[in-house]
Amino acid sequence: MVRSLILPALILISACAFMSALPLWRARARLLARVRADWGREKSRKRDMEAIADFSRSHRPDLSIRDRTWSDLLTDDVFAFLDRTESTIGQQLLSIGFVRLESRIHWRRSKR
């Protein structure tokens, strides 16, 4: 009697697991398709460059670039062109990397 119930129970559990996982697979496939379609395209969205700059200054003050140098190099425009992030946190992390890159370039030029 017990053996006759094990197979239907396993089939029922397998079917429930499959049905609960199906929406997750579909959502992942839609997200992957959207990322592939948007890959390499510039994102036209509003950026709070002042907040992004404040974050990078507070995170690494030793690597901060003076405001005049930042504006002379049109760094806001360059940052906006390079920004392909999906979130504000991504923008903040990109700004830290961007400031590090700028400071390394400046440091190498000053050593010449």
N, C-alpha and C. Protein backbone atom coordinates (compact mmCIF):
# COMPACT_ATOMS: atom_id res chain seq x y z
N MET A 1 0.81 -1.20 0.00
CA MET A 1 0.00 0.00 0.00
C MET A 1 0.86 1.27 0.00
N VAL A 2 1.89 1.27 0.86
CA VAL A 2 2.76 2.45 0.95
C VAL A 2 3.54 2.62 -0.35
N ARG A 3 4.02 1.52 -0.92
CA ARG A 3 4.77 1.59 -2.17
C ARG A 3 3.90 2.12 -3.31
N SER A 4 2.66 1.84 -3.29
CA SER A 4 1.78 2.32 -4.35
C SER A 4 1.52 3.82 -4.25
N LEU A 5 1.76 4.42 -3.08
CA LEU A 5 1.55 5.86 -2.90
C LEU A 5 2.82 6.67 -3.15
N ILE A 6 3.98 6.06 -3.12
CA ILE A 6 5.25 6.78 -3.26
C ILE A 6 5.38 7.37 -4.66
N LEU A 7 5.11 6.59 -5.69
CA LEU A 7 5.26 7.09 -7.06
C LEU A 7 4.32 8.25 -7.36
N PRO A 8 3.03 8.17 -7.05
CA PRO A 8 2.17 9.34 -7.29
C PRO A 8 2.59 10.56 -6.47
N ALA A 9 3.08 10.35 -5.25
CA ALA A 9 3.53 11.47 -4.42
C ALA A 9 4.76 12.13 -5.04
N LEU A 10 5.70 11.34 -5.53
CA LEU A 10 6.88 11.90 -6.20
C LEU A 10 6.51 12.65 -7.46
N ILE A 11 5.58 12.12 -8.21
CA ILE A 11 5.13 12.80 -9.44
C ILE A 11 4.47 14.13 -9.08
N LEU A 12 3.64 14.14 -8.04
CA LEU A 12 2.96 15.36 -7.61
C LEU A 12 3.97 16.41 -7.11
N ILE A 13 4.95 15.97 -6.33
CA ILE A 13 5.97 16.90 -5.83
C ILE A 13 6.80 17.45 -6.98
N SER A 14 7.16 16.61 -7.93
CA SER A 14 7.93 17.06 -9.09
C SER A 14 7.14 18.06 -9.92
N ALA A 15 5.87 17.80 -10.12
CA ALA A 15 5.03 18.72 -10.89
C ALA A 15 4.90 20.06 -10.18
N CYS A 16 4.74 20.05 -8.87
CA CYS A 16 4.64 21.31 -8.11
C CYS A 16 5.96 22.09 -8.17
N ALA A 17 7.07 21.39 -8.06
CA ALA A 17 8.37 22.07 -8.14
C ALA A 17 8.57 22.69 -9.52
N PHE A 18 8.21 21.97 -10.56
CA PHE A 18 8.34 22.49 -11.92
C PHE A 18 7.45 23.71 -12.13
N MET A 19 6.21 23.63 -11.65
CA MET A 19 5.27 24.74 -11.84
C MET A 19 5.70 25.98 -11.05
N SER A 20 6.34 25.78 -9.89
CA SER A 20 6.79 26.95 -9.12
C SER A 20 8.08 27.54 -9.71
N ALA A 21 8.89 26.74 -10.37
CA ALA A 21 10.14 27.23 -10.95
C ALA A 21 9.94 27.87 -12.32
N LEU A 22 8.87 27.52 -13.01
CA LEU A 22 8.63 28.03 -14.36
C LEU A 22 8.57 29.55 -14.44
N PRO A 23 7.83 30.24 -13.56
CA PRO A 23 7.83 31.72 -13.63
C PRO A 23 9.20 32.33 -13.40
N LEU A 24 10.00 31.72 -12.54
CA LEU A 24 11.36 32.24 -12.30
C LEU A 24 12.22 32.10 -13.54
N TRP A 25 12.11 30.99 -14.23
CA TRP A 25 12.87 30.80 -15.47
C TRP A 25 12.44 31.80 -16.53
N ARG A 26 11.14 32.04 -16.62
CA ARG A 26 10.64 33.00 -17.61
C ARG A 26 11.10 34.41 -17.28
N ALA A 27 11.06 34.79 -16.00
CA ALA A 27 11.51 36.14 -15.60
C ALA A 27 12.99 36.30 -15.88
N ARG A 28 13.76 35.27 -15.61
CA ARG A 28 15.19 35.34 -15.90
C ARG A 28 15.45 35.47 -17.40
N ALA A 29 14.69 34.75 -18.20
CA ALA A 29 14.86 34.82 -19.65
C ALA A 29 14.49 36.22 -20.17
N ARG A 30 13.43 36.83 -19.62
CA ARG A 30 13.05 38.20 -20.02
C ARG A 30 14.13 39.20 -19.63
N LEU A 31 14.67 39.06 -18.42
CA LEU A 31 15.73 39.96 -17.96
C LEU A 31 16.97 39.81 -18.83
N LEU A 32 17.34 38.60 -19.13
CA LEU A 32 18.50 38.35 -19.97
C LEU A 32 18.31 38.94 -21.37
N ALA A 33 17.10 38.80 -21.92
CA ALA A 33 16.82 39.37 -23.24
C ALA A 33 16.91 40.90 -23.20
N ARG A 34 16.42 41.52 -22.11
CA ARG A 34 16.49 42.98 -21.99
C ARG A 34 17.93 43.45 -21.87
N VAL A 35 18.73 42.75 -21.08
CA VAL A 35 20.14 43.13 -20.92
C VAL A 35 20.87 43.00 -22.25
N ARG A 36 20.62 41.92 -22.96
CA ARG A 36 21.27 41.75 -24.27
C ARG A 36 20.85 42.82 -25.26
N ALA A 37 19.58 43.20 -25.22
CA ALA A 37 19.09 44.23 -26.16
C ALA A 37 19.67 45.60 -25.83
N ASP A 38 19.87 45.88 -24.54
CA ASP A 38 20.37 47.19 -24.13
C ASP A 38 21.89 47.26 -24.05
N TRP A 39 22.56 46.14 -24.24
CA TRP A 39 24.01 46.09 -24.07
C TRP A 39 24.72 47.06 -25.01
N GLY A 40 25.56 47.92 -24.44
CA GLY A 40 26.35 48.84 -25.24
C GLY A 40 25.62 50.11 -25.66
N ARG A 41 24.37 50.23 -25.32
CA ARG A 41 23.61 51.44 -25.68
C ARG A 41 23.67 52.45 -24.55
N GLU A 42 23.75 53.69 -24.93
CA GLU A 42 23.79 54.76 -23.94
C GLU A 42 22.43 54.89 -23.27
N LYS A 43 22.45 55.08 -21.96
CA LYS A 43 21.21 55.23 -21.21
C LYS A 43 20.91 56.72 -21.07
N SER A 44 19.77 57.11 -21.56
CA SER A 44 19.38 58.52 -21.41
C SER A 44 18.47 58.62 -20.20
N ARG A 45 19.05 59.04 -19.10
CA ARG A 45 18.29 59.21 -17.87
C ARG A 45 18.90 60.36 -17.08
N LYS A 46 18.16 60.84 -16.14
CA LYS A 46 18.62 61.96 -15.33
C LYS A 46 19.64 61.44 -14.32
N ARG A 47 20.76 62.12 -14.24
CA ARG A 47 21.82 61.76 -13.30
C ARG A 47 22.04 62.92 -12.33
N ASP A 48 22.07 62.62 -11.07
CA ASP A 48 22.37 63.62 -10.05
C ASP A 48 23.88 63.63 -9.85
N MET A 49 24.57 64.36 -10.70
CA MET A 49 26.03 64.35 -10.70
C MET A 49 26.60 64.92 -9.40
N GLU A 50 25.90 65.85 -8.79
CA GLU A 50 26.37 66.42 -7.52
C GLU A 50 26.38 65.35 -6.42
N ALA A 51 25.31 64.55 -6.35
CA ALA A 51 25.24 63.48 -5.35
C ALA A 51 26.28 62.40 -5.63
N ILE A 52 26.48 62.10 -6.90
CA ILE A 52 27.48 61.10 -7.27
C ILE A 52 28.88 61.59 -6.89
N ALA A 53 29.17 62.86 -7.16
CA ALA A 53 30.47 63.44 -6.81
C ALA A 53 30.66 63.48 -5.30
N ASP A 54 29.61 63.84 -4.56
CA ASP A 54 29.70 63.86 -3.10
C ASP A 54 30.02 62.47 -2.55
N PHE A 55 29.38 61.45 -3.12
CA PHE A 55 29.63 60.09 -2.67
C PHE A 55 31.09 59.70 -2.91
N SER A 56 31.58 59.97 -4.11
CA SER A 56 32.96 59.56 -4.40
C SER A 56 33.96 60.35 -3.56
N ARG A 57 33.66 61.61 -3.27
CA ARG A 57 34.55 62.40 -2.41
C ARG A 57 34.56 61.86 -0.99
N SER A 58 33.39 61.48 -0.49
CA SER A 58 33.32 60.98 0.88
C SER A 58 33.91 59.59 1.00
N HIS A 59 33.87 58.83 -0.07
CA HIS A 59 34.40 57.46 -0.02
C HIS A 59 35.92 57.44 -0.11
N ARG A 60 36.46 58.22 -1.01
CA ARG A 60 37.92 58.27 -1.19
C ARG A 60 38.37 59.73 -1.31
N PRO A 61 38.43 60.46 -0.21
CA PRO A 61 38.81 61.88 -0.31
C PRO A 61 40.24 62.09 -0.80
N ASP A 62 41.11 61.11 -0.61
CA ASP A 62 42.49 61.25 -1.06
C ASP A 62 42.61 61.21 -2.58
N LEU A 63 41.59 60.67 -3.25
CA LEU A 63 41.64 60.58 -4.71
C LEU A 63 40.73 61.60 -5.40
N SER A 64 40.15 62.49 -4.63
CA SER A 64 39.19 63.41 -5.25
C SER A 64 39.89 64.41 -6.18
N ILE A 65 39.18 64.74 -7.24
CA ILE A 65 39.67 65.69 -8.23
C ILE A 65 39.04 67.04 -7.93
N ARG A 66 39.80 68.08 -8.10
CA ARG A 66 39.24 69.41 -7.86
C ARG A 66 38.09 69.68 -8.83
N ASP A 67 37.11 70.45 -8.36
CA ASP A 67 35.91 70.72 -9.17
C ASP A 67 36.25 71.40 -10.48
N ARG A 68 37.21 72.31 -10.45
CA ARG A 68 37.56 73.01 -11.69
C ARG A 68 38.16 72.05 -12.72
N THR A 69 39.03 71.15 -12.26
CA THR A 69 39.62 70.16 -13.17
C THR A 69 38.54 69.26 -13.72
N TRP A 70 37.61 68.86 -12.84
CA TRP A 70 36.49 67.99 -13.26
C TRP A 70 35.67 68.66 -14.36
N SER A 71 35.36 69.93 -14.19
CA SER A 71 34.54 70.62 -15.19
C SER A 71 35.34 70.97 -16.44
N ASP A 72 36.63 71.27 -16.29
CA ASP A 72 37.46 71.59 -17.46
C ASP A 72 37.58 70.40 -18.40
N LEU A 73 37.60 69.22 -17.84
CA LEU A 73 37.74 68.01 -18.65
C LEU A 73 36.39 67.47 -19.15
N LEU A 74 35.32 68.19 -18.88
CA LEU A 74 33.96 67.75 -19.24
C LEU A 74 33.68 66.34 -18.72
N THR A 75 34.12 66.11 -17.50
CA THR A 75 34.03 64.78 -16.94
C THR A 75 32.59 64.33 -16.71
N ASP A 76 31.68 65.26 -16.47
CA ASP A 76 30.27 64.88 -16.35
C ASP A 76 29.77 64.24 -17.64
N ASP A 77 30.15 64.83 -18.77
CA ASP A 77 29.73 64.28 -20.06
C ASP A 77 30.38 62.92 -20.33
N VAL A 78 31.63 62.79 -19.98
CA VAL A 78 32.33 61.52 -20.18
C VAL A 78 31.71 60.45 -19.28
N PHE A 79 31.42 60.83 -18.03
CA PHE A 79 30.79 59.88 -17.10
C PHE A 79 29.42 59.45 -17.63
N ALA A 80 28.64 60.40 -18.11
CA ALA A 80 27.31 60.07 -18.64
C ALA A 80 27.41 59.14 -19.84
N PHE A 81 28.43 59.33 -20.66
CA PHE A 81 28.61 58.45 -21.81
C PHE A 81 29.00 57.03 -21.38
N LEU A 82 29.85 56.92 -20.37
CA LEU A 82 30.30 55.61 -19.90
C LEU A 82 29.30 54.91 -19.00
N ASP A 83 28.36 55.64 -18.44
CA ASP A 83 27.43 55.07 -17.47
C ASP A 83 26.42 54.15 -18.16
N ARG A 84 26.53 52.87 -17.89
CA ARG A 84 25.58 51.88 -18.39
C ARG A 84 24.96 51.12 -17.22
N THR A 85 25.05 51.70 -16.04
CA THR A 85 24.59 51.01 -14.84
C THR A 85 23.07 51.00 -14.76
N GLU A 86 22.55 50.11 -13.93
CA GLU A 86 21.11 49.95 -13.77
C GLU A 86 20.59 50.63 -12.51
N SER A 87 21.48 51.04 -11.60
CA SER A 87 21.02 51.56 -10.32
C SER A 87 21.91 52.72 -9.87
N THR A 88 21.44 53.41 -8.85
CA THR A 88 22.22 54.50 -8.26
C THR A 88 23.48 53.96 -7.60
N ILE A 89 23.37 52.81 -6.99
CA ILE A 89 24.54 52.20 -6.37
C ILE A 89 25.60 51.90 -7.44
N GLY A 90 25.17 51.42 -8.58
CA GLY A 90 26.10 51.17 -9.68
C GLY A 90 26.76 52.45 -10.14
N GLN A 91 26.00 53.53 -10.21
CA GLN A 91 26.58 54.83 -10.58
C GLN A 91 27.63 55.27 -9.57
N GLN A 92 27.34 55.07 -8.30
CA GLN A 92 28.29 55.47 -7.26
C GLN A 92 29.58 54.68 -7.36
N LEU A 93 29.47 53.38 -7.57
CA LEU A 93 30.67 52.56 -7.71
C LEU A 93 31.44 52.92 -8.97
N LEU A 94 30.73 53.22 -10.04
CA LEU A 94 31.40 53.65 -11.27
C LEU A 94 32.14 54.96 -11.03
N SER A 95 31.55 55.87 -10.28
CA SER A 95 32.21 57.15 -10.03
C SER A 95 33.49 56.97 -9.23
N ILE A 96 33.50 56.02 -8.29
CA ILE A 96 34.72 55.77 -7.53
C ILE A 96 35.81 55.25 -8.46
N GLY A 97 35.47 54.30 -9.31
CA GLY A 97 36.44 53.79 -10.27
C GLY A 97 36.90 54.86 -11.24
N PHE A 98 35.99 55.72 -11.62
CA PHE A 98 36.30 56.81 -12.54
C PHE A 98 37.29 57.78 -11.91
N VAL A 99 37.06 58.13 -10.66
CA VAL A 99 37.97 59.05 -9.96
C VAL A 99 39.32 58.40 -9.76
N ARG A 100 39.35 57.11 -9.46
CA ARG A 100 40.63 56.42 -9.31
C ARG A 100 41.41 56.45 -10.63
N LEU A 101 40.72 56.22 -11.72
CA LEU A 101 41.38 56.25 -13.03
C LEU A 101 41.92 57.64 -13.33
N GLU A 102 41.12 58.66 -13.08
CA GLU A 102 41.56 60.03 -13.32
C GLU A 102 42.78 60.39 -12.46
N SER A 103 42.77 59.97 -11.20
CA SER A 103 43.89 60.32 -10.33
C SER A 103 45.15 59.56 -10.73
N ARG A 104 45.03 58.33 -11.22
CA ARG A 104 46.20 57.59 -11.69
C ARG A 104 46.80 58.25 -12.93
N ILE A 105 45.95 58.69 -13.83
CA ILE A 105 46.44 59.38 -15.03
C ILE A 105 47.17 60.65 -14.62
N HIS A 106 46.59 61.41 -13.70
CA HIS A 106 47.21 62.65 -13.24
C HIS A 106 48.55 62.33 -12.55
N TRP A 107 48.60 61.29 -11.73
CA TRP A 107 49.81 60.92 -11.02
C TRP A 107 50.91 60.52 -11.99
N ARG A 108 50.59 59.75 -13.02
CA ARG A 108 51.58 59.34 -13.99
C ARG A 108 52.12 60.53 -14.78
N ARG A 109 51.25 61.47 -15.11
CA ARG A 109 51.69 62.65 -15.87
C ARG A 109 52.59 63.53 -15.00
N SER A 110 52.31 63.59 -13.71
CA SER A 110 53.12 64.45 -12.84
C SER A 110 54.50 63.83 -12.60
N LYS A 111 54.65 62.53 -12.79
CA LYS A 111 55.94 61.86 -12.60
C LYS A 111 56.87 62.04 -13.79
N ARG A 112 56.36 62.48 -14.92
CA ARG A 112 57.19 62.64 -16.12
C ARG A 112 58.11 63.81 -16.04
